[in-house]
C-alpha cells in the first residue's frame, strides 16, 4: 500500500487498504460442513468446546467488541477512506480491537 501510494501521490491519487477482521457469520467461519468453527471443534482447538456454538462463543469472548466484523463496519471504513482528502498509504484495520490482543 505504501509503495503504491508513493508512486501515485504525484498524480493526486490516494491509495489505502481496508483490512477487515473476522466475519464470524460468513462462510469461512460458519459453513456447516467446512467452516473454521467446525474444523476447530473437530481438531480440539478449543478443549472445553462440545458444540460449534461453544467454539464460536470462545472466539467471540476473545474480541473486545464481543462480535465479529460486519459488512456495515467495512462499508463505513470504505466511506471514510473515500471521503477524506489527505490520508494515503494506510492500511485501515476494521478489527474491533483484535489487533491489540496479540
PDB file of N, CA and C in Angstrom:
ATOM      1  N   UNK A   1       0.836  -1.189   0.000  1.00  0.00           N
ATOM      2  CA  UNK A   1       0.000   0.000   0.000  1.00  0.00           C
ATOM      3  C   UNK A   1       0.880   1.252   0.000  1.00  0.00           C
ATOM      4  N   UNK A   2       1.896   1.247   0.848  1.00  0.00           N
ATOM      5  CA  UNK A   2       2.759   2.426   0.934  1.00  0.00           C
ATOM      6  C   UNK A   2       3.504   2.677  -0.379  1.00  0.00           C
ATOM      7  N   UNK A   3       4.051   1.629  -0.971  1.00  0.00           N
ATOM      8  CA  UNK A   3       4.790   1.788  -2.230  1.00  0.00           C
ATOM      9  C   UNK A   3       3.887   2.308  -3.344  1.00  0.00           C
ATOM     10  N   UNK A   4       2.699   1.745  -3.419  1.00  0.00           N
ATOM     11  CA  UNK A   4       1.744   2.168  -4.440  1.00  0.00           C
ATOM     12  C   UNK A   4       1.335   3.622  -4.207  1.00  0.00           C
ATOM     13  N   UNK A   5       1.123   3.991  -2.935  1.00  0.00           N
ATOM     14  CA  UNK A   5       0.762   5.370  -2.601  1.00  0.00           C
ATOM     15  C   UNK A   5       1.879   6.337  -2.989  1.00  0.00           C
ATOM     16  N   UNK A   6       3.130   5.937  -2.748  1.00  0.00           N
ATOM     17  CA  UNK A   6       4.267   6.782  -3.132  1.00  0.00           C
ATOM     18  C   UNK A   6       4.314   7.006  -4.645  1.00  0.00           C
ATOM     19  N   UNK A   7       4.039   5.955  -5.392  1.00  0.00           N
ATOM     20  CA  UNK A   7       4.076   6.070  -6.851  1.00  0.00           C
ATOM     21  C   UNK A   7       2.963   6.952  -7.401  1.00  0.00           C
ATOM     22  N   UNK A   8       1.793   6.903  -6.773  1.00  0.00           N
ATOM     23  CA  UNK A   8       0.640   7.606  -7.329  1.00  0.00           C
ATOM     24  C   UNK A   8       0.394   8.982  -6.726  1.00  0.00           C
ATOM     25  N   UNK A   9       1.069   9.318  -5.638  1.00  0.00           N
ATOM     26  CA  UNK A   9       0.876  10.628  -5.000  1.00  0.00           C
ATOM     27  C   UNK A   9       1.120  11.794  -5.957  1.00  0.00           C
ATOM     28  N   UNK A  10       2.139  11.757  -6.821  1.00  0.00           N
ATOM     29  CA  UNK A  10       2.341  12.883  -7.744  1.00  0.00           C
ATOM     30  C   UNK A  10       1.153  13.132  -8.681  1.00  0.00           C
ATOM     31  N   UNK A  11       0.306  12.124  -8.846  1.00  0.00           N
ATOM     32  CA  UNK A  11      -0.871  12.256  -9.708  1.00  0.00           C
ATOM     33  C   UNK A  11      -2.133  12.556  -8.905  1.00  0.00           C
ATOM     34  N   UNK A  12      -1.937  12.881  -7.622  1.00  0.00           N
ATOM     35  CA  UNK A  12      -3.044  13.204  -6.712  1.00  0.00           C
ATOM     36  C   UNK A  12      -4.019  12.030  -6.555  1.00  0.00           C
ATOM     37  N   UNK A  13      -3.474  10.820  -6.559  1.00  0.00           N
ATOM     38  CA  UNK A  13      -4.275   9.611  -6.356  1.00  0.00           C
ATOM     39  C   UNK A  13      -3.908   9.028  -4.999  1.00  0.00           C
ATOM     40  N   UNK A  14      -4.932   8.802  -4.174  1.00  0.00           N
ATOM     41  CA  UNK A  14      -4.727   8.216  -2.852  1.00  0.00           C
ATOM     42  C   UNK A  14      -4.839   6.697  -2.940  1.00  0.00           C
ATOM     43  N   UNK A  15      -4.052   6.017  -2.132  1.00  0.00           N
ATOM     44  CA  UNK A  15      -4.105   4.558  -2.054  1.00  0.00           C
ATOM     45  C   UNK A  15      -4.169   4.166  -0.585  1.00  0.00           C
ATOM     46  N   UNK A  16      -5.231   3.483  -0.215  1.00  0.00           N
ATOM     47  CA  UNK A  16      -5.395   2.971   1.144  1.00  0.00           C
ATOM     48  C   UNK A  16      -5.975   1.566   1.048  1.00  0.00           C
ATOM     49  N   UNK A  17      -5.793   0.778   2.090  1.00  0.00           N
ATOM     50  CA  UNK A  17      -6.341  -0.580   2.130  1.00  0.00           C
ATOM     51  C   UNK A  17      -7.248  -0.714   3.342  1.00  0.00           C
ATOM     52  N   UNK A  18      -8.365  -1.374   3.153  1.00  0.00           N
ATOM     53  CA  UNK A  18      -9.267  -1.696   4.253  1.00  0.00           C
ATOM     54  C   UNK A  18      -8.957  -3.133   4.659  1.00  0.00           C
ATOM     55  N   UNK A  19      -8.683  -3.349   5.949  1.00  0.00           N
ATOM     56  CA  UNK A  19      -8.271  -4.664   6.456  1.00  0.00           C
ATOM     57  C   UNK A  19      -9.290  -5.164   7.473  1.00  0.00           C
ATOM     58  N   UNK A  20     -10.322  -5.870   7.010  1.00  0.00           N
ATOM     59  CA  UNK A  20     -11.363  -6.320   7.935  1.00  0.00           C
ATOM     60  C   UNK A  20     -10.905  -7.465   8.828  1.00  0.00           C
ATOM     61  N   UNK A  21     -11.509  -7.523   9.992  1.00  0.00           N
ATOM     62  CA  UNK A  21     -11.275  -8.627  10.916  1.00  0.00           C
ATOM     63  C   UNK A  21     -12.111  -9.830  10.507  1.00  0.00           C
ATOM     64  N   UNK A  22     -12.388 -10.692  11.445  1.00  0.00           N
ATOM     65  CA  UNK A  22     -13.088 -11.944  11.157  1.00  0.00           C
ATOM     66  C   UNK A  22     -14.586 -11.740  10.978  1.00  0.00           C
ATOM     67  N   UNK A  23     -15.094 -12.230   9.853  1.00  0.00           N
ATOM     68  CA  UNK A  23     -16.532 -12.294   9.604  1.00  0.00           C
ATOM     69  C   UNK A  23     -17.017 -13.631  10.156  1.00  0.00           C
ATOM     70  N   UNK A  24     -17.326 -13.690  11.433  1.00  0.00           N
ATOM     71  CA  UNK A  24     -17.715 -14.963  12.038  1.00  0.00           C
ATOM     72  C   UNK A  24     -19.000 -15.524  11.446  1.00  0.00           C
ATOM     73  N   UNK A  25     -19.849 -14.660  10.882  1.00  0.00           N
ATOM     74  CA  UNK A  25     -21.098 -15.143  10.303  1.00  0.00           C
ATOM     75  C   UNK A  25     -20.971 -15.478   8.820  1.00  0.00           C
ATOM     76  N   UNK A  26     -19.792 -15.326   8.257  1.00  0.00           N
ATOM     77  CA  UNK A  26     -19.574 -15.634   6.844  1.00  0.00           C
ATOM     78  C   UNK A  26     -19.177 -17.085   6.636  1.00  0.00           C
ATOM     79  N   UNK A  27     -19.082 -17.525   5.393  1.00  0.00           N
ATOM     80  CA  UNK A  27     -18.817 -18.931   5.099  1.00  0.00           C
ATOM     81  C   UNK A  27     -17.453 -19.439   5.561  1.00  0.00           C
ATOM     82  N   UNK A  28     -16.436 -18.584   5.604  1.00  0.00           N
ATOM     83  CA  UNK A  28     -15.122 -19.056   6.050  1.00  0.00           C
ATOM     84  C   UNK A  28     -15.213 -19.647   7.449  1.00  0.00           C
ATOM     85  N   UNK A  29     -15.953 -18.993   8.322  1.00  0.00           N
ATOM     86  CA  UNK A  29     -16.070 -19.463   9.704  1.00  0.00           C
ATOM     87  C   UNK A  29     -17.292 -20.347   9.917  1.00  0.00           C
ATOM     88  N   UNK A  30     -18.426 -20.000   9.320  1.00  0.00           N
ATOM     89  CA  UNK A  30     -19.694 -20.628   9.709  1.00  0.00           C
ATOM     90  C   UNK A  30     -20.229 -21.690   8.764  1.00  0.00           C
ATOM     91  N   UNK A  31     -19.542 -22.006   7.686  1.00  0.00           N
ATOM     92  CA  UNK A  31     -20.020 -23.058   6.797  1.00  0.00           C
ATOM     93  C   UNK A  31     -20.207 -24.335   7.615  1.00  0.00           C
ATOM     94  N   UNK A  32     -21.416 -24.933   7.581  1.00  0.00           N
ATOM     95  CA  UNK A  32     -21.690 -26.088   8.444  1.00  0.00           C
ATOM     96  C   UNK A  32     -20.875 -27.338   8.114  1.00  0.00           C
ATOM     97  N   UNK A  33     -20.321 -27.408   6.914  1.00  0.00           N
ATOM     98  CA  UNK A  33     -19.534 -28.586   6.539  1.00  0.00           C
ATOM     99  C   UNK A  33     -18.033 -28.360   6.664  1.00  0.00           C
ATOM    100  N   UNK A  34     -17.555 -27.174   6.270  1.00  0.00           N
ATOM    101  CA  UNK A  34     -16.110 -26.950   6.204  1.00  0.00           C
ATOM    102  C   UNK A  34     -15.637 -25.673   6.893  1.00  0.00           C
ATOM    103  N   UNK A  35     -16.516 -24.976   7.571  1.00  0.00           N
ATOM    104  CA  UNK A  35     -16.131 -23.721   8.210  1.00  0.00           C
ATOM    105  C   UNK A  35     -15.098 -23.930   9.313  1.00  0.00           C
ATOM    106  N   UNK A  36     -14.421 -22.847   9.661  1.00  0.00           N
ATOM    107  CA  UNK A  36     -13.377 -22.944  10.686  1.00  0.00           C
ATOM    108  C   UNK A  36     -13.928 -23.355  12.047  1.00  0.00           C
ATOM    109  N   UNK A  37     -15.161 -22.949  12.377  1.00  0.00           N
ATOM    110  CA  UNK A  37     -15.733 -23.381  13.657  1.00  0.00           C
ATOM    111  C   UNK A  37     -15.826 -24.906  13.710  1.00  0.00           C
ATOM    112  N   UNK A  38     -16.279 -25.531  12.628  1.00  0.00           N
ATOM    113  CA  UNK A  38     -16.378 -26.995  12.550  1.00  0.00           C
ATOM    114  C   UNK A  38     -14.985 -27.616  12.608  1.00  0.00           C
ATOM    115  N   UNK A  39     -14.057 -27.069  11.834  1.00  0.00           N
ATOM    116  CA  UNK A  39     -12.696 -27.609  11.810  1.00  0.00           C
ATOM    117  C   UNK A  39     -12.041 -27.513  13.184  1.00  0.00           C
ATOM    118  N   UNK A  40     -12.224 -26.371  13.859  1.00  0.00           N
ATOM    119  CA  UNK A  40     -11.605 -26.187  15.174  1.00  0.00           C
ATOM    120  C   UNK A  40     -12.239 -27.101  16.216  1.00  0.00           C
ATOM    121  N   UNK A  41     -13.546 -27.336  16.101  1.00  0.00           N
ATOM    122  CA  UNK A  41     -14.209 -28.275  17.017  1.00  0.00           C
ATOM    123  C   UNK A  41     -13.648 -29.677  16.802  1.00  0.00           C
ATOM    124  N   UNK A  42     -13.579 -30.112  15.556  1.00  0.00           N
ATOM    125  CA  UNK A  42     -13.086 -31.458  15.244  1.00  0.00           C
ATOM    126  C   UNK A  42     -11.616 -31.642  15.599  1.00  0.00           C
ATOM    127  N   UNK A  43     -10.830 -30.577  15.504  1.00  0.00           N
ATOM    128  CA  UNK A  43      -9.394 -30.655  15.807  1.00  0.00           C
ATOM    129  C   UNK A  43      -9.105 -30.460  17.295  1.00  0.00           C
ATOM    130  N   UNK A  44     -10.127 -30.123  18.073  1.00  0.00           N
ATOM    131  CA  UNK A  44      -9.927 -29.917  19.506  1.00  0.00           C
ATOM    132  C   UNK A  44      -9.171 -28.640  19.849  1.00  0.00           C
ATOM    133  N   UNK A  45      -9.248 -27.629  18.998  1.00  0.00           N
ATOM    134  CA  UNK A  45      -8.515 -26.379  19.252  1.00  0.00           C
ATOM    135  C   UNK A  45      -9.078 -25.599  20.431  1.00  0.00           C
ATOM    136  N   UNK A  46     -10.331 -25.856  20.767  1.00  0.00           N
ATOM    137  CA  UNK A  46     -10.942 -25.245  21.949  1.00  0.00           C
ATOM    138  C   UNK A  46     -11.314 -26.409  22.865  1.00  0.00           C
ATOM    139  N   UNK A  47     -10.421 -26.774  23.793  1.00  0.00           N
ATOM    140  CA  UNK A  47     -10.589 -28.004  24.571  1.00  0.00           C
ATOM    141  C   UNK A  47     -11.935 -28.145  25.289  1.00  0.00           C
ATOM    142  N   UNK A  48     -12.503 -27.064  25.766  1.00  0.00           N
ATOM    143  CA  UNK A  48     -13.760 -27.171  26.512  1.00  0.00           C
ATOM    144  C   UNK A  48     -14.986 -27.215  25.608  1.00  0.00           C
ATOM    145  N   UNK A  49     -14.826 -27.037  24.306  1.00  0.00           N
ATOM    146  CA  UNK A  49     -15.958 -26.949  23.384  1.00  0.00           C
ATOM    147  C   UNK A  49     -16.536 -28.322  23.073  1.00  0.00           C
ATOM    148  N   UNK A  50     -17.857 -28.379  23.147  1.00  0.00           N
ATOM    149  CA  UNK A  50     -18.570 -29.604  22.788  1.00  0.00           C
ATOM    150  C   UNK A  50     -19.426 -29.402  21.536  1.00  0.00           C
ATOM    151  N   UNK A  51     -19.695 -28.142  21.202  1.00  0.00           N
ATOM    152  CA  UNK A  51     -20.516 -27.820  20.036  1.00  0.00           C
ATOM    153  C   UNK A  51     -19.853 -26.707  19.223  1.00  0.00           C
ATOM    154  N   UNK A  52     -20.361 -26.536  18.013  1.00  0.00           N
ATOM    155  CA  UNK A  52     -19.875 -25.436  17.171  1.00  0.00           C
ATOM    156  C   UNK A  52     -20.140 -24.102  17.852  1.00  0.00           C
ATOM    157  N   UNK A  53     -21.287 -23.973  18.489  1.00  0.00           N
ATOM    158  CA  UNK A  53     -21.621 -22.725  19.196  1.00  0.00           C
ATOM    159  C   UNK A  53     -20.626 -22.450  20.320  1.00  0.00           C
ATOM    160  N   UNK A  54     -20.153 -23.489  21.007  1.00  0.00           N
ATOM    161  CA  UNK A  54     -19.125 -23.308  22.045  1.00  0.00           C
ATOM    162  C   UNK A  54     -17.848 -22.713  21.446  1.00  0.00           C
ATOM    163  N   UNK A  55     -17.464 -23.205  20.271  1.00  0.00           N
ATOM    164  CA  UNK A  55     -16.259 -22.692  19.604  1.00  0.00           C
ATOM    165  C   UNK A  55     -16.471 -21.228  19.234  1.00  0.00           C
ATOM    166  N   UNK A  56     -17.638 -20.920  18.662  1.00  0.00           N
ATOM    167  CA  UNK A  56     -17.936 -19.537  18.283  1.00  0.00           C
ATOM    168  C   UNK A  56     -17.894 -18.623  19.505  1.00  0.00           C
ATOM    169  N   UNK A  57     -18.513 -19.039  20.593  1.00  0.00           N
ATOM    170  CA  UNK A  57     -18.521 -18.211  21.805  1.00  0.00           C
ATOM    171  C   UNK A  57     -17.113 -18.013  22.352  1.00  0.00           C
ATOM    172  N   UNK A  58     -16.268 -19.023  22.238  1.00  0.00           N
ATOM    173  CA  UNK A  58     -14.878 -18.886  22.674  1.00  0.00           C
ATOM    174  C   UNK A  58     -14.191 -17.764  21.903  1.00  0.00           C
ATOM    175  N   UNK A  59     -14.337 -17.764  20.579  1.00  0.00           N
ATOM    176  CA  UNK A  59     -13.690 -16.729  19.768  1.00  0.00           C
ATOM    177  C   UNK A  59     -14.326 -15.360  19.978  1.00  0.00           C
ATOM    178  N   UNK A  60     -15.636 -15.314  20.150  1.00  0.00           N
ATOM    179  CA  UNK A  60     -16.284 -14.030  20.436  1.00  0.00           C
ATOM    180  C   UNK A  60     -15.806 -13.464  21.768  1.00  0.00           C
ATOM    181  N   UNK A  61     -15.553 -14.327  22.738  1.00  0.00           N
ATOM    182  CA  UNK A  61     -15.093 -13.856  24.052  1.00  0.00           C
ATOM    183  C   UNK A  61     -13.696 -13.248  23.977  1.00  0.00           C
ATOM    184  N   UNK A  62     -12.944 -13.575  22.934  1.00  0.00           N
ATOM    185  CA  UNK A  62     -11.593 -13.033  22.757  1.00  0.00           C
ATOM    186  C   UNK A  62     -11.595 -11.673  22.055  1.00  0.00           C
ATOM    187  N   UNK A  63     -12.752 -11.230  21.603  1.00  0.00           N
ATOM    188  CA  UNK A  63     -12.874  -9.953  20.902  1.00  0.00           C
ATOM    189  C   UNK A  63     -13.282  -8.862  21.888  1.00  0.00           C
ATOM    190  N   UNK A  64     -12.664  -7.703  21.789  1.00  0.00           N
ATOM    191  CA  UNK A  64     -13.027  -6.595  22.675  1.00  0.00           C
ATOM    192  C   UNK A  64     -14.479  -6.178  22.504  1.00  0.00           C
ATOM    193  N   UNK A  65     -14.993  -6.245  21.288  1.00  0.00           N
ATOM    194  CA  UNK A  65     -16.350  -5.805  20.977  1.00  0.00           C
ATOM    195  C   UNK A  65     -17.362  -6.944  21.156  1.00  0.00           C
ATOM    196  N   UNK A  66     -16.887  -8.160  21.320  1.00  0.00           N
ATOM    197  CA  UNK A  66     -17.724  -9.355  21.538  1.00  0.00           C
ATOM    198  C   UNK A  66     -18.606  -9.706  20.344  1.00  0.00           C
ATOM    199  N   UNK A  67     -18.104  -9.416  19.150  1.00  0.00           N
ATOM    200  CA  UNK A  67     -18.780  -9.831  17.918  1.00  0.00           C
ATOM    201  C   UNK A  67     -17.767  -9.806  16.789  1.00  0.00           C
ATOM    202  N   UNK A  68     -18.130 -10.431  15.697  1.00  0.00           N
ATOM    203  CA  UNK A  68     -17.267 -10.402  14.527  1.00  0.00           C
ATOM    204  C   UNK A  68     -17.508  -9.157  13.692  1.00  0.00           C
ATOM    205  N   UNK A  69     -16.692  -8.991  12.678  1.00  0.00           N
ATOM    206  CA  UNK A  69     -16.801  -7.867  11.753  1.00  0.00           C
ATOM    207  C   UNK A  69     -18.072  -8.025  10.918  1.00  0.00           C
ATOM    208  N   UNK A  70     -18.748  -6.925  10.679  1.00  0.00           N
ATOM    209  CA  UNK A  70     -19.957  -6.925   9.863  1.00  0.00           C
ATOM    210  C   UNK A  70     -19.691  -6.187   8.550  1.00  0.00           C
ATOM    211  N   UNK A  71     -20.441  -6.516   7.506  1.00  0.00           N
ATOM    212  CA  UNK A  71     -20.284  -5.772   6.256  1.00  0.00           C
ATOM    213  C   UNK A  71     -20.447  -4.262   6.445  1.00  0.00           C
ATOM    214  N   UNK A  72     -21.342  -3.852   7.333  1.00  0.00           N
ATOM    215  CA  UNK A  72     -21.536  -2.412   7.565  1.00  0.00           C
ATOM    216  C   UNK A  72     -20.299  -1.771   8.187  1.00  0.00           C
ATOM    217  N   UNK A  73     -19.537  -2.519   8.988  1.00  0.00           N
ATOM    218  CA  UNK A  73     -18.289  -1.987   9.552  1.00  0.00           C
ATOM    219  C   UNK A  73     -17.290  -1.683   8.437  1.00  0.00           C
ATOM    220  N   UNK A  74     -17.192  -2.593   7.488  1.00  0.00           N
ATOM    221  CA  UNK A  74     -16.276  -2.412   6.365  1.00  0.00           C
ATOM    222  C   UNK A  74     -16.758  -1.262   5.479  1.00  0.00           C
ATOM    223  N   UNK A  75     -18.063  -1.190   5.248  1.00  0.00           N
ATOM    224  CA  UNK A  75     -18.613  -0.110   4.421  1.00  0.00           C
ATOM    225  C   UNK A  75     -18.287   1.256   5.019  1.00  0.00           C
ATOM    226  N   UNK A  76     -18.409   1.391   6.329  1.00  0.00           N
ATOM    227  CA  UNK A  76     -18.103   2.670   6.980  1.00  0.00           C
ATOM    228  C   UNK A  76     -16.627   3.026   6.828  1.00  0.00           C
ATOM    229  N   UNK A  77     -15.756   2.039   6.915  1.00  0.00           N
ATOM    230  CA  UNK A  77     -14.323   2.294   6.718  1.00  0.00           C
ATOM    231  C   UNK A  77     -14.044   2.718   5.276  1.00  0.00           C
ATOM    232  N   UNK A  78     -14.729   2.103   4.333  1.00  0.00           N
ATOM    233  CA  UNK A  78     -14.566   2.485   2.927  1.00  0.00           C
ATOM    234  C   UNK A  78     -15.031   3.923   2.720  1.00  0.00           C
ATOM    235  N   UNK A  79     -16.190   4.268   3.293  1.00  0.00           N
ATOM    236  CA  UNK A  79     -16.681   5.645   3.170  1.00  0.00           C
ATOM    237  C   UNK A  79     -15.679   6.628   3.754  1.00  0.00           C
ATOM    238  N   UNK A  80     -15.091   6.277   4.900  1.00  0.00           N
ATOM    239  CA  UNK A  80     -14.067   7.145   5.500  1.00  0.00           C
ATOM    240  C   UNK A  80     -12.907   7.336   4.526  1.00  0.00           C
ATOM    241  N   UNK A  81     -12.408   6.239   3.985  1.00  0.00           N
ATOM    242  CA  UNK A  81     -11.242   6.312   3.102  1.00  0.00           C
ATOM    243  C   UNK A  81     -11.537   7.115   1.837  1.00  0.00           C
ATOM    244  N   UNK A  82     -12.755   7.028   1.347  1.00  0.00           N
ATOM    245  CA  UNK A  82     -13.126   7.741   0.127  1.00  0.00           C
ATOM    246  C   UNK A  82     -13.360   9.226   0.404  1.00  0.00           C
ATOM    247  N   UNK A  83     -14.011   9.541   1.525  1.00  0.00           N
ATOM    248  CA  UNK A  83     -14.400  10.925   1.810  1.00  0.00           C
ATOM    249  C   UNK A  83     -13.245  11.818   2.227  1.00  0.00           C
ATOM    250  N   UNK A  84     -12.276  11.281   2.934  1.00  0.00           N
ATOM    251  CA  UNK A  84     -11.185  12.147   3.387  1.00  0.00           C
ATOM    252  C   UNK A  84     -10.287  12.490   2.204  1.00  0.00           C
ATOM    253  N   UNK A  85      -9.574  13.596   2.337  1.00  0.00           N
ATOM    254  CA  UNK A  85      -8.786  14.083   1.207  1.00  0.00           C
ATOM    255  C   UNK A  85      -7.280  14.054   1.449  1.00  0.00           C
ATOM    256  N   UNK A  86      -6.857  13.650   2.638  1.00  0.00           N
ATOM    257  CA  UNK A  86      -5.442  13.770   2.980  1.00  0.00           C
ATOM    258  C   UNK A  86      -4.753  12.430   3.204  1.00  0.00           C
ATOM    259  N   UNK A  87      -5.472  11.441   3.650  1.00  0.00           N
ATOM    260  CA  UNK A  87      -4.899  10.144   4.036  1.00  0.00           C
ATOM    261  C   UNK A  87      -4.490   9.338   2.812  1.00  0.00           C
ATOM    262  N   UNK A  88      -3.265   8.820   2.822  1.00  0.00           N
ATOM    263  CA  UNK A  88      -2.827   7.914   1.759  1.00  0.00           C
ATOM    264  C   UNK A  88      -1.744   6.988   2.298  1.00  0.00           C
ATOM    265  N   UNK A  89      -1.654   5.803   1.716  1.00  0.00           N
ATOM    266  CA  UNK A  89      -0.631   4.841   2.113  1.00  0.00           C
ATOM    267  C   UNK A  89      -0.928   4.119   3.409  1.00  0.00           C
ATOM    268  N   UNK A  90      -2.196   4.051   3.787  1.00  0.00           N
ATOM    269  CA  UNK A  90      -2.558   3.468   5.075  1.00  0.00           C
ATOM    270  C   UNK A  90      -3.293   2.142   4.916  1.00  0.00           C
ATOM    271  N   UNK A  91      -3.029   1.233   5.832  1.00  0.00           N
ATOM    272  CA  UNK A  91      -3.821   0.016   5.991  1.00  0.00           C
ATOM    273  C   UNK A  91      -4.767   0.305   7.151  1.00  0.00           C
ATOM    274  N   UNK A  92      -6.049   0.390   6.867  1.00  0.00           N
ATOM    275  CA  UNK A  92      -7.045   0.781   7.864  1.00  0.00           C
ATOM    276  C   UNK A  92      -7.657  -0.482   8.463  1.00  0.00           C
ATOM    277  N   UNK A  93      -7.329  -0.794   9.731  1.00  0.00           N
ATOM    278  CA  UNK A  93      -7.877  -2.005  10.340  1.00  0.00           C
ATOM    279  C   UNK A  93      -9.338  -1.811  10.738  1.00  0.00           C
ATOM    280  N   UNK A  94     -10.136  -2.837  10.493  1.00  0.00           N
ATOM    281  CA  UNK A  94     -11.534  -2.868  10.919  1.00  0.00           C
ATOM    282  C   UNK A  94     -11.669  -4.171  11.701  1.00  0.00           C
ATOM    283  N   UNK A  95     -11.084  -4.175  12.894  1.00  0.00           N
ATOM    284  CA  UNK A  95     -10.913  -5.430  13.633  1.00  0.00           C
ATOM    285  C   UNK A  95     -11.601  -5.466  14.989  1.00  0.00           C
ATOM    286  N   UNK A  96     -12.279  -4.413  15.370  1.00  0.00           N
ATOM    287  CA  UNK A  96     -12.914  -4.410  16.686  1.00  0.00           C
ATOM    288  C   UNK A  96     -11.907  -4.520  17.815  1.00  0.00           C
ATOM    289  N   UNK A  97     -10.693  -4.094  17.581  1.00  0.00           N
ATOM    290  CA  UNK A  97      -9.657  -4.135  18.609  1.00  0.00           C
ATOM    291  C   UNK A  97      -8.847  -5.415  18.643  1.00  0.00           C
ATOM    292  N   UNK A  98      -9.117  -6.356  17.742  1.00  0.00           N
ATOM    293  CA  UNK A  98      -8.402  -7.638  17.745  1.00  0.00           C
ATOM    294  C   UNK A  98      -6.899  -7.475  17.645  1.00  0.00           C
ATOM    295  N   UNK A  99      -6.449  -6.507  16.870  1.00  0.00           N
ATOM    296  CA  UNK A  99      -5.009  -6.353  16.677  1.00  0.00           C
ATOM    297  C   UNK A  99      -4.302  -5.968  17.970  1.00  0.00           C
ATOM    298  N   UNK A 100      -5.039  -5.445  18.945  1.00  0.00           N
ATOM    299  CA  UNK A 100      -4.429  -5.072  20.226  1.00  0.00           C
ATOM    300  C   UNK A 100      -4.251  -6.271  21.148  1.00  0.00           C
ATOM    301  N   UNK A 101      -4.880  -7.395  20.822  1.00  0.00           N
ATOM    302  CA  UNK A 101      -4.908  -8.552  21.726  1.00  0.00           C
ATOM    303  C   UNK A 101      -3.869  -9.605  21.404  1.00  0.00           C
ATOM    304  N   UNK A 102      -2.889  -9.310  20.607  1.00  0.00           N
ATOM    305  CA  UNK A 102      -1.899 -10.310  20.196  1.00  0.00           C
ATOM    306  C   UNK A 102      -1.205 -10.922  21.351  1.00  0.00           C
TER     307      UNK A 102
END
